Amino acid sequence: MSLKEQSQKPQRADAQENRRHLLEVAHRVFMKKGPDASLEEIARRAEVGIGTLYRHFPTRSDLIEEVYAEQIEALISRANELADTLPPKEALTGWLRAVADHVMTYKALKACLVAVREKEGLDHRQWKERLRAAGGRLLSAAEKAGAVRPGLDPTALLSLVHGITVAAEREPESTRRMEEFLQIMIDGLTKGA
């Protein structure tokens, strides 16, 4: 839940359903057409008036932020799920792969949001800290299990994953190359552990 949602008054059930539906439709449209997709198209596909969309999301950046925040929440939940179901090494490496997939999938949406938020002087880094904490818990468990080299930093790992996605996106067959680069990083983390 975003900081905005936390500060809002509770909504009626139908308003909550409208909001949820708008977010689902916006996610699909943004994924298909990019972050510059028309808000009118999103409202039309959600079968609501543009006024309903603006009541829930007064600006384009508000809508993009909520769509992106949902994906970050999914990554954080994924870290918890992996920690509960897999051995520490597999949980960490599975989550690093999920982060890499996320970065490749949502790069344009995040870039648009960051640019708008920086222009408006707003902070977009709240997600980074929560991701670092989720990864830190997985990394700590893997270190305690002796599955990875000691002394690794979760912020550095996230930066490495981001760097891998930047390098891979410039390659033909970017998804395959991302997997190759990521495996090289994972081998480095676990070698000598």
Protein backbone atom coordinates (compact mmCIF):
# COMPACT_ATOMS: atom_id res chain seq x y z
CA MET A 1 0.00 0.00 0.00
CA SER A 2 1.39 3.39 -0.97
CA LEU A 3 1.86 6.29 1.40
CA LYS A 4 -1.01 8.08 -0.35
CA GLU A 5 -3.36 5.16 0.18
CA GLN A 6 -2.44 4.96 3.85
CA SER A 7 -3.38 8.59 4.38
CA GLN A 8 -6.71 8.40 2.51
CA LYS A 9 -10.06 7.85 4.17
CA PRO A 10 -11.46 4.34 3.82
CA GLN A 11 -13.34 3.92 0.55
CA ARG A 12 -16.69 2.27 -0.04
CA ALA A 13 -16.50 -1.28 -1.39
CA ASP A 14 -17.57 -0.24 -4.91
CA ALA A 15 -14.98 2.56 -4.97
CA GLN A 16 -12.30 0.11 -3.84
CA GLU A 17 -13.35 -2.28 -6.61
CA ASN A 18 -13.24 0.54 -9.19
CA ARG A 19 -9.73 1.45 -8.02
CA ARG A 20 -8.55 -2.17 -8.16
CA HIS A 21 -10.06 -2.62 -11.63
CA LEU A 22 -8.46 0.61 -12.89
CA LEU A 23 -5.05 -0.54 -11.64
CA GLU A 24 -5.41 -3.91 -13.37
CA VAL A 25 -6.44 -2.31 -16.66
CA ALA A 26 -3.73 0.38 -16.39
CA HIS A 27 -1.11 -2.31 -15.81
CA ARG A 28 -2.18 -4.16 -18.98
CA VAL A 29 -2.29 -0.96 -21.07
CA PHE A 30 1.07 0.32 -19.77
CA MET A 31 2.66 -3.07 -20.47
CA LYS A 32 1.31 -3.07 -24.02
CA LYS A 33 1.74 0.59 -24.98
CA GLY A 34 4.31 1.95 -22.54
CA PRO A 35 4.09 4.59 -19.84
CA ASP A 36 2.81 7.23 -22.26
CA ALA A 37 -0.39 5.28 -22.93
CA SER A 38 -3.51 7.41 -23.02
CA LEU A 39 -5.40 7.79 -19.76
CA GLU A 40 -8.57 8.03 -21.85
CA GLU A 41 -7.84 4.57 -23.27
CA ILE A 42 -7.31 3.19 -19.78
CA ALA A 43 -10.65 4.60 -18.62
CA ARG A 44 -12.39 3.31 -21.76
CA ARG A 45 -10.95 -0.20 -21.37
CA ALA A 46 -11.90 -0.16 -17.67
CA GLU A 47 -15.42 0.87 -18.75
CA VAL A 48 -15.46 3.92 -16.50
CA GLY A 49 -15.59 7.62 -17.23
CA ILE A 50 -12.38 9.64 -17.29
CA GLY A 51 -13.68 11.49 -14.21
CA THR A 52 -13.70 8.23 -12.25
CA LEU A 53 -10.08 7.62 -13.22
CA TYR A 54 -9.08 11.13 -12.15
CA ARG A 55 -10.97 10.80 -8.86
CA HIS A 56 -8.79 7.83 -7.96
CA PHE A 57 -5.58 9.04 -9.66
CA PRO A 58 -5.46 12.85 -10.06
CA THR A 59 -2.33 12.74 -12.24
CA ARG A 60 -0.65 10.34 -14.68
CA SER A 61 2.26 9.98 -12.27
CA ASP A 62 -0.14 8.99 -9.46
CA LEU A 63 -1.48 6.16 -11.62
CA ILE A 64 1.97 5.04 -12.76
CA GLU A 65 3.22 5.15 -9.17
CA GLU A 66 0.39 2.92 -7.97
CA VAL A 67 0.87 0.42 -10.81
CA TYR A 68 4.62 0.31 -10.14
CA ALA A 69 4.16 0.12 -6.37
CA GLU A 70 1.98 -2.97 -6.80
CA GLN A 71 4.81 -4.67 -8.69
CA ILE A 72 7.31 -3.73 -5.97
CA GLU A 73 4.96 -5.15 -3.35
CA ALA A 74 4.80 -8.35 -5.39
CA LEU A 75 8.63 -8.56 -5.38
CA ILE A 76 8.73 -8.05 -1.62
CA SER A 77 6.05 -10.70 -1.14
CA ARG A 78 8.01 -12.99 -3.46
CA ALA A 79 11.07 -12.65 -1.19
CA ASN A 80 8.99 -13.70 1.81
CA GLU A 81 7.41 -16.60 -0.09
CA LEU A 82 10.79 -17.88 -1.29
CA ALA A 83 12.25 -17.58 2.22
CA ASP A 84 9.38 -19.70 3.54
CA THR A 85 9.51 -22.41 0.86
CA LEU A 86 13.10 -22.86 -0.35
CA PRO A 87 16.54 -23.42 1.16
CA PRO A 88 18.41 -20.11 1.68
CA LYS A 89 20.63 -20.32 -1.44
CA GLU A 90 17.72 -21.13 -3.76
CA ALA A 91 15.54 -18.49 -2.12
CA LEU A 92 18.18 -15.80 -2.69
CA THR A 93 19.02 -16.79 -6.26
CA GLY A 94 15.34 -17.18 -7.14
CA TRP A 95 14.65 -13.71 -5.83
CA LEU A 96 17.61 -12.19 -7.70
CA ARG A 97 16.16 -13.69 -10.89
CA ALA A 98 12.74 -12.22 -10.03
CA VAL A 99 14.35 -8.80 -9.51
CA ALA A 100 16.13 -9.04 -12.87
CA ASP A 101 12.88 -10.00 -14.62
CA HIS A 102 11.13 -7.10 -12.90
CA VAL A 103 13.77 -4.58 -13.98
CA MET A 104 13.64 -5.79 -17.59
CA THR A 105 9.83 -5.74 -17.64
CA TYR A 106 9.21 -2.41 -15.89
CA LYS A 107 12.22 -0.34 -16.96
CA ALA A 108 10.23 2.13 -19.10
CA LEU A 109 7.51 2.55 -16.49
CA LYS A 110 10.02 3.19 -13.71
CA ALA A 111 12.04 5.62 -15.84
CA CYS A 112 8.90 7.61 -16.60
CA LEU A 113 7.88 7.68 -12.95
CA VAL A 114 11.35 8.66 -11.71
CA ALA A 115 11.57 11.48 -14.27
CA VAL A 116 8.17 12.88 -13.28
CA ARG A 117 8.84 12.56 -9.55
CA GLU A 118 12.25 14.22 -9.82
CA LYS A 119 10.71 17.07 -11.81
CA GLU A 120 8.08 17.49 -9.09
CA GLY A 121 10.74 17.27 -6.38
CA LEU A 122 9.21 14.12 -4.87
CA ASP A 123 11.10 11.15 -3.44
CA HIS A 124 10.87 7.85 -5.33
CA ARG A 125 13.39 5.96 -3.21
CA GLN A 126 11.03 4.41 -0.68
CA TRP A 127 10.86 1.27 -2.82
CA LYS A 128 14.62 0.89 -2.98
CA GLU A 129 14.94 0.66 0.80
CA ARG A 130 12.17 -1.91 1.09
CA LEU A 131 13.69 -4.02 -1.69
CA ARG A 132 17.10 -3.77 -0.04
CA ALA A 133 15.60 -4.97 3.23
CA ALA A 134 13.83 -7.91 1.55
CA GLY A 135 17.02 -8.91 -0.24
CA GLY A 136 19.04 -8.36 2.93
CA ARG A 137 16.93 -10.89 4.81
CA LEU A 138 17.47 -13.50 2.07
CA LEU A 139 21.18 -12.71 1.86
CA SER A 140 21.61 -12.96 5.62
CA ALA A 141 19.90 -16.36 5.70
CA ALA A 142 22.10 -17.59 2.82
CA GLU A 143 25.24 -16.35 4.61
CA LYS A 144 24.22 -18.08 7.86
CA ALA A 145 23.67 -21.30 5.91
CA GLY A 146 27.12 -20.98 4.35
CA ALA A 147 25.56 -20.86 0.88
CA VAL A 148 27.16 -17.58 -0.23
CA ARG A 149 30.40 -15.78 0.43
CA PRO A 150 30.30 -13.74 3.64
CA GLY A 151 30.36 -9.95 3.69
CA LEU A 152 28.12 -9.29 0.72
CA ASP A 153 25.98 -6.16 0.66
CA PRO A 154 22.31 -6.30 -0.47
CA THR A 155 22.52 -2.83 -2.04
CA ALA A 156 25.53 -3.94 -4.10
CA LEU A 157 23.65 -7.07 -5.20
CA LEU A 158 20.70 -5.01 -6.39
CA SER A 159 23.07 -2.68 -8.24
CA LEU A 160 24.73 -5.67 -9.90
CA VAL A 161 21.37 -7.05 -11.00
CA HIS A 162 20.47 -3.66 -12.43
CA GLY A 163 23.81 -3.47 -14.24
CA ILE A 164 23.22 -6.93 -15.69
CA THR A 165 19.86 -5.88 -17.09
CA VAL A 166 21.37 -2.76 -18.65
CA ALA A 167 24.10 -4.84 -20.31
CA ALA A 168 21.66 -7.54 -21.43
CA GLU A 169 19.10 -5.20 -22.98
CA ARG A 170 21.69 -4.07 -25.51
CA GLU A 171 22.34 -7.63 -26.64
CA PRO A 172 20.45 -9.70 -29.20
CA GLU A 173 18.34 -12.23 -27.31
CA SER A 174 18.37 -9.99 -24.24
CA THR A 175 16.46 -12.40 -21.99
CA ARG A 176 18.87 -15.26 -22.67
CA ARG A 177 21.86 -12.97 -22.16
CA MET A 178 20.40 -11.66 -18.91
CA GLU A 179 20.13 -15.24 -17.64
CA GLU A 180 23.75 -15.93 -18.65
CA PHE A 181 25.06 -12.78 -16.98
CA LEU A 182 22.98 -13.42 -13.87
CA GLN A 183 24.31 -16.97 -13.61
CA ILE A 184 27.89 -15.65 -13.76
CA MET A 185 27.07 -13.30 -10.86
CA ILE A 186 25.39 -16.10 -8.88
CA ASP A 187 28.38 -18.39 -9.45
CA GLY A 188 30.61 -15.62 -8.07
CA LEU A 189 28.41 -15.23 -4.98
CA THR A 190 28.40 -18.92 -4.19
CA LYS A 191 31.93 -19.93 -5.19
CA GLY A 192 34.04 -20.63 -2.14
CA ALA A 193 31.04 -20.51 0.18
